[in-house]
Amino acid sequence: ATAEAWGKVPVHATSTPGFIVNRVARPFYAEGLRLLEERAADAATIDAVMREAGGFRMGPFELMDLIGHDVNFAVTSSVFQAYFCDP
């Protein structure tokens, strides 16, 4: 009821490290960072492509900036450790 009151669609998920959102978000951020590292494009262009062609509401860099890099790093580290450092 709480999720629906927030305008969200609740789903049932198995209790796993990171649950669904954080498991999917880690590669989203990592690939954005990898593209930037490889100089495929700048951060603004990668964000624009993900919004305009990928249908995402925000690109990986916009989302990392919104969440905070400290929080993103802590969550990434936590999920990584929970999976015994499996890359």
Protein backbone atom coordinates (compact mmCIF):
# COMPACT_ATOMS: atom_id res chain seq x y z
CA ALA A 1 0.00 0.00 0.00
CA THR A 2 2.87 2.38 0.80
CA ALA A 3 4.57 1.82 -2.56
CA GLU A 4 1.29 2.34 -4.39
CA ALA A 5 0.64 5.54 -2.40
CA TRP A 6 4.02 6.78 -3.67
CA GLY A 7 2.90 6.09 -7.25
CA LYS A 8 5.14 3.02 -7.55
CA VAL A 9 4.34 -0.50 -8.66
CA PRO A 10 5.39 -2.97 -5.96
CA VAL A 11 6.98 -6.25 -6.96
CA HIS A 12 8.01 -9.33 -5.02
CA ALA A 13 11.73 -10.01 -5.06
CA THR A 14 13.91 -12.60 -3.42
CA SER A 15 16.10 -11.23 -0.67
CA THR A 16 19.46 -10.94 -2.38
CA PRO A 17 22.26 -8.39 -1.97
CA GLY A 18 21.24 -5.20 -3.73
CA PHE A 19 17.78 -6.51 -4.64
CA ILE A 20 16.70 -5.67 -8.20
CA VAL A 21 17.45 -1.96 -8.62
CA ASN A 22 20.98 -1.99 -7.27
CA ARG A 23 21.87 -5.18 -9.13
CA VAL A 24 20.83 -3.57 -12.42
CA ALA A 25 22.23 -0.13 -11.60
CA ARG A 26 25.81 -1.30 -10.94
CA PRO A 27 26.50 -2.27 -14.59
CA PHE A 28 24.66 0.87 -15.80
CA TYR A 29 27.11 3.09 -13.93
CA ALA A 30 30.14 0.91 -14.62
CA GLU A 31 29.60 0.86 -18.38
CA GLY A 32 29.07 4.61 -18.43
CA LEU A 33 32.35 5.05 -16.57
CA ARG A 34 34.07 2.61 -18.90
CA LEU A 35 32.84 4.54 -21.97
CA LEU A 36 34.16 7.75 -20.44
CA GLU A 37 37.50 6.09 -19.62
CA GLU A 38 37.79 4.81 -23.19
CA ARG A 39 37.00 8.34 -24.46
CA ALA A 40 34.05 7.07 -26.46
CA ALA A 41 32.24 10.30 -25.55
CA ASP A 42 32.04 12.85 -22.76
CA ALA A 43 29.69 12.39 -19.80
CA ALA A 44 27.02 14.77 -21.15
CA THR A 45 26.89 12.92 -24.48
CA ILE A 46 26.65 9.51 -22.82
CA ASP A 47 23.80 10.80 -20.65
CA ALA A 48 22.03 12.28 -23.70
CA VAL A 49 22.31 9.03 -25.66
CA MET A 50 20.91 7.02 -22.76
CA ARG A 51 17.99 9.43 -22.36
CA GLU A 52 17.16 10.06 -25.99
CA ALA A 53 18.01 6.73 -27.63
CA GLY A 54 17.90 4.41 -24.63
CA GLY A 55 14.67 5.68 -23.14
CA PHE A 56 16.16 6.19 -19.66
CA ARG A 57 14.95 9.14 -17.59
CA MET A 58 18.54 9.97 -16.67
CA GLY A 59 21.93 8.97 -17.93
CA PRO A 60 24.44 7.22 -15.67
CA PHE A 61 26.38 10.38 -14.83
CA GLU A 62 23.28 12.43 -14.06
CA LEU A 63 22.06 9.66 -11.80
CA MET A 64 25.43 9.25 -10.06
CA ASP A 65 25.52 13.02 -9.46
CA LEU A 66 21.99 12.96 -8.04
CA ILE A 67 22.62 9.98 -5.74
CA GLY A 68 26.08 11.13 -4.72
CA HIS A 69 29.34 9.47 -5.56
CA ASP A 70 29.94 8.55 -1.93
CA VAL A 71 26.62 6.69 -1.72
CA ASN A 72 27.11 5.06 -5.13
CA PHE A 73 30.58 3.84 -4.15
CA ALA A 74 29.33 2.48 -0.81
CA VAL A 75 26.47 0.56 -2.47
CA THR A 76 28.74 -0.77 -5.22
CA SER A 77 31.28 -1.92 -2.63
CA SER A 78 28.57 -3.56 -0.54
CA VAL A 79 27.09 -5.50 -3.46
CA PHE A 80 30.58 -6.49 -4.66
CA GLN A 81 31.52 -7.80 -1.20
CA ALA A 82 28.18 -9.61 -0.81
CA TYR A 83 28.95 -11.55 -3.98
CA PHE A 84 32.44 -12.50 -2.75
CA CYS A 85 34.15 -10.00 -5.10
CA ASP A 86 32.82 -11.65 -8.24
CA PRO A 87 33.48 -9.14 -11.03
